[in-house]
Amino acid sequence: MVLGAAVGVSVAISMLAHVGVAGPWLVNVALAKLGLVASFGLMAGGAMSVRIGNRRKRRELAAGDGPRVG
């Protein structure tokens, strides 16, 4: 999720600083959109992996397979 946020922030900073590749403005817009889509995909993938990990922990605790305390 952090990588997705970093990609999103870098795209936003490059848009605010008017940094882009040499060429028509349409290429810069397309690259910005692709960067934001990639950012969303990375954040969604990270959130999904955290959710799956939490689900696995809950199943282990419910089954009693977790570590014994006390």
PDB file of N, CA and C in Angstrom:
ATOM      1  N   MET A   1       0.820  -1.184   0.000  1.00  0.00           N
ATOM      2  CA  MET A   1       0.000   0.000   0.000  1.00  0.00           C
ATOM      3  C   MET A   1       0.869   1.254   0.000  1.00  0.00           C
ATOM      4  N   VAL A   2       1.991   1.169   0.685  1.00  0.00           N
ATOM      5  CA  VAL A   2       2.891   2.316   0.747  1.00  0.00           C
ATOM      6  C   VAL A   2       3.462   2.618  -0.636  1.00  0.00           C
ATOM      7  N   LEU A   3       3.778   1.579  -1.391  1.00  0.00           N
ATOM      8  CA  LEU A   3       4.303   1.783  -2.741  1.00  0.00           C
ATOM      9  C   LEU A   3       3.256   2.471  -3.622  1.00  0.00           C
ATOM     10  N   GLY A   4       2.004   2.085  -3.492  1.00  0.00           N
ATOM     11  CA  GLY A   4       0.935   2.729  -4.254  1.00  0.00           C
ATOM     12  C   GLY A   4       0.785   4.196  -3.890  1.00  0.00           C
ATOM     13  N   ALA A   5       0.877   4.489  -2.588  1.00  0.00           N
ATOM     14  CA  ALA A   5       0.794   5.884  -2.155  1.00  0.00           C
ATOM     15  C   ALA A   5       1.980   6.680  -2.687  1.00  0.00           C
ATOM     16  N   ALA A   6       3.158   6.063  -2.700  1.00  0.00           N
ATOM     17  CA  ALA A   6       4.343   6.757  -3.210  1.00  0.00           C
ATOM     18  C   ALA A   6       4.208   7.062  -4.701  1.00  0.00           C
ATOM     19  N   VAL A   7       3.674   6.118  -5.457  1.00  0.00           N
ATOM     20  CA  VAL A   7       3.469   6.345  -6.891  1.00  0.00           C
ATOM     21  C   VAL A   7       2.450   7.465  -7.099  1.00  0.00           C
ATOM     22  N   GLY A   8       1.377   7.449  -6.338  1.00  0.00           N
ATOM     23  CA  GLY A   8       0.366   8.501  -6.455  1.00  0.00           C
ATOM     24  C   GLY A   8       0.912   9.874  -6.113  1.00  0.00           C
ATOM     25  N   VAL A   9       1.697   9.961  -5.056  1.00  0.00           N
ATOM     26  CA  VAL A   9       2.286  11.238  -4.659  1.00  0.00           C
ATOM     27  C   VAL A   9       3.272  11.729  -5.711  1.00  0.00           C
ATOM     28  N   SER A  10       4.059  10.814  -6.258  1.00  0.00           N
ATOM     29  CA  SER A  10       5.023  11.242  -7.283  1.00  0.00           C
ATOM     30  C   SER A  10       4.317  11.724  -8.543  1.00  0.00           C
ATOM     31  N   VAL A  11       3.209  11.091  -8.907  1.00  0.00           N
ATOM     32  CA  VAL A  11       2.440  11.563 -10.064  1.00  0.00           C
ATOM     33  C   VAL A  11       1.860  12.940  -9.783  1.00  0.00           C
ATOM     34  N   ALA A  12       1.331  13.127  -8.578  1.00  0.00           N
ATOM     35  CA  ALA A  12       0.751  14.423  -8.225  1.00  0.00           C
ATOM     36  C   ALA A  12       1.811  15.524  -8.225  1.00  0.00           C
ATOM     37  N   ILE A  13       2.986  15.232  -7.693  1.00  0.00           N
ATOM     38  CA  ILE A  13       4.056  16.232  -7.662  1.00  0.00           C
ATOM     39  C   ILE A  13       4.516  16.567  -9.079  1.00  0.00           C
ATOM     40  N   SER A  14       4.629  15.564  -9.929  1.00  0.00           N
ATOM     41  CA  SER A  14       5.050  15.847 -11.309  1.00  0.00           C
ATOM     42  C   SER A  14       3.993  16.646 -12.059  1.00  0.00           C
ATOM     43  N   MET A  15       2.714  16.414 -11.735  1.00  0.00           N
ATOM     44  CA  MET A  15       1.662  17.207 -12.379  1.00  0.00           C
ATOM     45  C   MET A  15       1.702  18.651 -11.895  1.00  0.00           C
ATOM     46  N   LEU A  16       1.946  18.849 -10.595  1.00  0.00           N
ATOM     47  CA  LEU A  16       1.999  20.212 -10.063  1.00  0.00           C
ATOM     48  C   LEU A  16       3.230  20.966 -10.551  1.00  0.00           C
ATOM     49  N   ALA A  17       4.334  20.257 -10.762  1.00  0.00           N
ATOM     50  CA  ALA A  17       5.571  20.887 -11.208  1.00  0.00           C
ATOM     51  C   ALA A  17       5.648  20.990 -12.733  1.00  0.00           C
ATOM     52  N   HIS A  18       4.618  20.523 -13.422  1.00  0.00           N
ATOM     53  CA  HIS A  18       4.570  20.548 -14.888  1.00  0.00           C
ATOM     54  C   HIS A  18       5.743  19.792 -15.497  1.00  0.00           C
ATOM     55  N   VAL A  19       6.077  18.654 -14.902  1.00  0.00           N
ATOM     56  CA  VAL A  19       7.146  17.802 -15.418  1.00  0.00           C
ATOM     57  C   VAL A  19       6.506  16.739 -16.298  1.00  0.00           C
ATOM     58  N   GLY A  20       7.048  16.535 -17.450  1.00  0.00           N
ATOM     59  CA  GLY A  20       6.504  15.525 -18.348  1.00  0.00           C
ATOM     60  C   GLY A  20       7.523  15.143 -19.405  1.00  0.00           C
ATOM     61  N   VAL A  21       7.139  14.202 -20.227  1.00  0.00           N
ATOM     62  CA  VAL A  21       8.025  13.786 -21.309  1.00  0.00           C
ATOM     63  C   VAL A  21       7.864  14.743 -22.471  1.00  0.00           C
ATOM     64  N   ALA A  22       8.874  14.813 -23.298  1.00  0.00           N
ATOM     65  CA  ALA A  22       8.801  15.674 -24.469  1.00  0.00           C
ATOM     66  C   ALA A  22       7.842  15.056 -25.476  1.00  0.00           C
ATOM     67  N   GLY A  23       6.935  15.829 -25.941  1.00  0.00           N
ATOM     68  CA  GLY A  23       5.960  15.342 -26.900  1.00  0.00           C
ATOM     69  C   GLY A  23       4.632  16.048 -26.703  1.00  0.00           C
ATOM     70  N   PRO A  24       3.621  15.545 -27.348  1.00  0.00           N
ATOM     71  CA  PRO A  24       2.311  16.196 -27.234  1.00  0.00           C
ATOM     72  C   PRO A  24       1.751  16.081 -25.816  1.00  0.00           C
ATOM     73  N   TRP A  25       0.877  17.008 -25.478  1.00  0.00           N
ATOM     74  CA  TRP A  25       0.304  17.041 -24.139  1.00  0.00           C
ATOM     75  C   TRP A  25      -0.523  15.794 -23.853  1.00  0.00           C
ATOM     76  N   LEU A  26      -1.044  15.171 -24.881  1.00  0.00           N
ATOM     77  CA  LEU A  26      -1.871  13.983 -24.697  1.00  0.00           C
ATOM     78  C   LEU A  26      -1.066  12.826 -24.114  1.00  0.00           C
ATOM     79  N   VAL A  27       0.205  12.746 -24.470  1.00  0.00           N
ATOM     80  CA  VAL A  27       1.077  11.702 -23.916  1.00  0.00           C
ATOM     81  C   VAL A  27       1.260  11.920 -22.419  1.00  0.00           C
ATOM     82  N   ASN A  28       1.447  13.164 -22.000  1.00  0.00           N
ATOM     83  CA  ASN A  28       1.605  13.460 -20.573  1.00  0.00           C
ATOM     84  C   ASN A  28       0.334  13.129 -19.801  1.00  0.00           C
ATOM     85  N   VAL A  29      -0.812  13.425 -20.367  1.00  0.00           N
ATOM     86  CA  VAL A  29      -2.073  13.101 -19.700  1.00  0.00           C
ATOM     87  C   VAL A  29      -2.237  11.594 -19.585  1.00  0.00           C
ATOM     88  N   ALA A  30      -1.907  10.881 -20.641  1.00  0.00           N
ATOM     89  CA  ALA A  30      -2.019   9.420 -20.618  1.00  0.00           C
ATOM     90  C   ALA A  30      -1.073   8.818 -19.578  1.00  0.00           C
ATOM     91  N   LEU A  31       0.151   9.328 -19.489  1.00  0.00           N
ATOM     92  CA  LEU A  31       1.100   8.823 -18.495  1.00  0.00           C
ATOM     93  C   LEU A  31       0.628   9.115 -17.074  1.00  0.00           C
ATOM     94  N   ALA A  32       0.049  10.283 -16.866  1.00  0.00           N
ATOM     95  CA  ALA A  32      -0.468  10.618 -15.534  1.00  0.00           C
ATOM     96  C   ALA A  32      -1.614   9.685 -15.162  1.00  0.00           C
ATOM     97  N   LYS A  33      -2.512   9.419 -16.100  1.00  0.00           N
ATOM     98  CA  LYS A  33      -3.625   8.508 -15.822  1.00  0.00           C
ATOM     99  C   LYS A  33      -3.133   7.094 -15.547  1.00  0.00           C
ATOM    100  N   LEU A  34      -2.171   6.635 -16.335  1.00  0.00           N
ATOM    101  CA  LEU A  34      -1.615   5.302 -16.098  1.00  0.00           C
ATOM    102  C   LEU A  34      -0.923   5.214 -14.743  1.00  0.00           C
ATOM    103  N   GLY A  35      -0.246   6.281 -14.358  1.00  0.00           N
ATOM    104  CA  GLY A  35       0.400   6.308 -13.041  1.00  0.00           C
ATOM    105  C   GLY A  35      -0.610   6.243 -11.917  1.00  0.00           C
ATOM    106  N   LEU A  36      -1.715   6.961 -12.062  1.00  0.00           N
ATOM    107  CA  LEU A  36      -2.744   6.934 -11.025  1.00  0.00           C
ATOM    108  C   LEU A  36      -3.459   5.590 -10.984  1.00  0.00           C
ATOM    109  N   VAL A  37      -3.668   4.972 -12.127  1.00  0.00           N
ATOM    110  CA  VAL A  37      -4.275   3.635 -12.149  1.00  0.00           C
ATOM    111  C   VAL A  37      -3.336   2.619 -11.507  1.00  0.00           C
ATOM    112  N   ALA A  38      -2.050   2.737 -11.795  1.00  0.00           N
ATOM    113  CA  ALA A  38      -1.074   1.840 -11.171  1.00  0.00           C
ATOM    114  C   ALA A  38      -1.031   2.052  -9.669  1.00  0.00           C
ATOM    115  N   SER A  39      -1.135   3.291  -9.235  1.00  0.00           N
ATOM    116  CA  SER A  39      -1.161   3.599  -7.812  1.00  0.00           C
ATOM    117  C   SER A  39      -2.366   2.950  -7.140  1.00  0.00           C
ATOM    118  N   PHE A  40      -3.522   3.071  -7.776  1.00  0.00           N
ATOM    119  CA  PHE A  40      -4.732   2.450  -7.229  1.00  0.00           C
ATOM    120  C   PHE A  40      -4.585   0.934  -7.172  1.00  0.00           C
ATOM    121  N   GLY A  41      -4.016   0.347  -8.199  1.00  0.00           N
ATOM    122  CA  GLY A  41      -3.840  -1.104  -8.220  1.00  0.00           C
ATOM    123  C   GLY A  41      -2.902  -1.586  -7.122  1.00  0.00           C
ATOM    124  N   LEU A  42      -1.813  -0.852  -6.891  1.00  0.00           N
ATOM    125  CA  LEU A  42      -0.885  -1.229  -5.836  1.00  0.00           C
ATOM    126  C   LEU A  42      -1.519  -1.090  -4.458  1.00  0.00           C
ATOM    127  N   MET A  43      -2.291  -0.025  -4.259  1.00  0.00           N
ATOM    128  CA  MET A  43      -2.950   0.159  -2.970  1.00  0.00           C
ATOM    129  C   MET A  43      -4.016  -0.905  -2.744  1.00  0.00           C
ATOM    130  N   ALA A  44      -4.768  -1.244  -3.774  1.00  0.00           N
ATOM    131  CA  ALA A  44      -5.791  -2.287  -3.640  1.00  0.00           C
ATOM    132  C   ALA A  44      -5.153  -3.644  -3.384  1.00  0.00           C
ATOM    133  N   GLY A  45      -4.055  -3.934  -4.062  1.00  0.00           N
ATOM    134  CA  GLY A  45      -3.357  -5.197  -3.838  1.00  0.00           C
ATOM    135  C   GLY A  45      -2.808  -5.297  -2.425  1.00  0.00           C
ATOM    136  N   GLY A  46      -2.262  -4.217  -1.911  1.00  0.00           N
ATOM    137  CA  GLY A  46      -1.761  -4.205  -0.542  1.00  0.00           C
ATOM    138  C   GLY A  46      -2.871  -4.381   0.474  1.00  0.00           C
ATOM    139  N   ALA A  47      -3.986  -3.696   0.254  1.00  0.00           N
ATOM    140  CA  ALA A  47      -5.118  -3.832   1.174  1.00  0.00           C
ATOM    141  C   ALA A  47      -5.679  -5.245   1.140  1.00  0.00           C
ATOM    142  N   MET A  48      -5.713  -5.835  -0.035  1.00  0.00           N
ATOM    143  CA  MET A  48      -6.224  -7.198  -0.159  1.00  0.00           C
ATOM    144  C   MET A  48      -5.317  -8.194   0.556  1.00  0.00           C
ATOM    145  N   SER A  49      -4.008  -8.019   0.430  1.00  0.00           N
ATOM    146  CA  SER A  49      -3.094  -8.945   1.102  1.00  0.00           C
ATOM    147  C   SER A  49      -3.174  -8.796   2.620  1.00  0.00           C
ATOM    148  N   VAL A  50      -3.352  -7.576   3.112  1.00  0.00           N
ATOM    149  CA  VAL A  50      -3.523  -7.378   4.555  1.00  0.00           C
ATOM    150  C   VAL A  50      -4.809  -8.036   5.025  1.00  0.00           C
ATOM    151  N   ARG A  51      -5.860  -7.893   4.250  1.00  0.00           N
ATOM    152  CA  ARG A  51      -7.144  -8.488   4.632  1.00  0.00           C
ATOM    153  C   ARG A  51      -7.059 -10.013   4.657  1.00  0.00           C
ATOM    154  N   ILE A  52      -6.398 -10.598   3.667  1.00  0.00           N
ATOM    155  CA  ILE A  52      -6.250 -12.058   3.639  1.00  0.00           C
ATOM    156  C   ILE A  52      -5.417 -12.521   4.829  1.00  0.00           C
ATOM    157  N   GLY A  53      -4.366 -11.776   5.163  1.00  0.00           N
ATOM    158  CA  GLY A  53      -3.549 -12.121   6.320  1.00  0.00           C
ATOM    159  C   GLY A  53      -4.334 -12.059   7.620  1.00  0.00           C
ATOM    160  N   ASN A  54      -5.165 -11.029   7.765  1.00  0.00           N
ATOM    161  CA  ASN A  54      -5.987 -10.910   8.970  1.00  0.00           C
ATOM    162  C   ASN A  54      -7.014 -12.029   9.047  1.00  0.00           C
ATOM    163  N   ARG A  55      -7.571 -12.405   7.914  1.00  0.00           N
ATOM    164  CA  ARG A  55      -8.550 -13.490   7.887  1.00  0.00           C
ATOM    165  C   ARG A  55      -7.899 -14.804   8.326  1.00  0.00           C
ATOM    166  N   ARG A  56      -6.681 -15.028   7.871  1.00  0.00           N
ATOM    167  CA  ARG A  56      -5.955 -16.250   8.249  1.00  0.00           C
ATOM    168  C   ARG A  56      -5.687 -16.272   9.758  1.00  0.00           C
ATOM    169  N   LYS A  57      -5.312 -15.121  10.322  1.00  0.00           N
ATOM    170  CA  LYS A  57      -5.065 -15.051  11.761  1.00  0.00           C
ATOM    171  C   LYS A  57      -6.344 -15.338  12.548  1.00  0.00           C
ATOM    172  N   ARG A  58      -7.467 -14.776  12.093  1.00  0.00           N
ATOM    173  CA  ARG A  58      -8.729 -15.015  12.796  1.00  0.00           C
ATOM    174  C   ARG A  58      -9.125 -16.481  12.751  1.00  0.00           C
ATOM    175  N   ARG A  59      -8.895 -17.136  11.616  1.00  0.00           N
ATOM    176  CA  ARG A  59      -9.213 -18.566  11.522  1.00  0.00           C
ATOM    177  C   ARG A  59      -8.348 -19.391  12.459  1.00  0.00           C
ATOM    178  N   GLU A  60      -7.060 -19.049  12.550  1.00  0.00           N
ATOM    179  CA  GLU A  60      -6.168 -19.770  13.452  1.00  0.00           C
ATOM    180  C   GLU A  60      -6.591 -19.585  14.903  1.00  0.00           C
ATOM    181  N   LEU A  61      -6.964 -18.356  15.255  1.00  0.00           N
ATOM    182  CA  LEU A  61      -7.389 -18.104  16.629  1.00  0.00           C
ATOM    183  C   LEU A  61      -8.702 -18.824  16.942  1.00  0.00           C
ATOM    184  N   ALA A  62      -9.610 -18.840  15.989  1.00  0.00           N
ATOM    185  CA  ALA A  62     -10.903 -19.497  16.210  1.00  0.00           C
ATOM    186  C   ALA A  62     -10.740 -21.011  16.325  1.00  0.00           C
ATOM    187  N   ALA A  63      -9.778 -21.568  15.597  1.00  0.00           N
ATOM    188  CA  ALA A  63      -9.552 -23.014  15.630  1.00  0.00           C
ATOM    189  C   ALA A  63      -8.731 -23.432  16.836  1.00  0.00           C
ATOM    190  N   GLY A  64      -8.133 -22.493  17.520  1.00  0.00           N
ATOM    191  CA  GLY A  64      -7.320 -22.819  18.680  1.00  0.00           C
ATOM    192  C   GLY A  64      -5.919 -23.250  18.322  1.00  0.00           C
ATOM    193  N   ASP A  65      -5.471 -22.965  17.115  1.00  0.00           N
ATOM    194  CA  ASP A  65      -4.119 -23.360  16.688  1.00  0.00           C
ATOM    195  C   ASP A  65      -3.084 -22.313  17.025  1.00  0.00           C
ATOM    196  N   GLY A  66      -3.508 -21.199  17.603  1.00  0.00           N
ATOM    197  CA  GLY A  66      -2.580 -20.118  17.909  1.00  0.00           C
ATOM    198  C   GLY A  66      -1.698 -20.433  19.094  1.00  0.00           C
ATOM    199  N   PRO A  67      -0.774 -19.545  19.386  1.00  0.00           N
ATOM    200  CA  PRO A  67       0.126 -19.781  20.524  1.00  0.00           C
ATOM    201  C   PRO A  67      -0.636 -19.725  21.856  1.00  0.00           C
ATOM    202  N   ARG A  68      -0.250 -20.549  22.775  1.00  0.00           N
ATOM    203  CA  ARG A  68      -0.878 -20.598  24.100  1.00  0.00           C
ATOM    204  C   ARG A  68      -0.273 -19.496  24.978  1.00  0.00           C
ATOM    205  N   VAL A  69      -1.133 -18.794  25.672  1.00  0.00           N
ATOM    206  CA  VAL A  69      -0.673 -17.741  26.572  1.00  0.00           C
ATOM    207  C   VAL A  69      -1.000 -18.150  27.990  1.00  0.00           C
ATOM    208  N   GLY A  70      -0.001 -18.124  28.854  1.00  0.00           N
ATOM    209  CA  GLY A  70      -0.213 -18.391  30.290  1.00  0.00           C
ATOM    210  C   GLY A  70      -0.345 -19.813  30.570  1.00  0.00           C
TER     211      GLY A  70
END
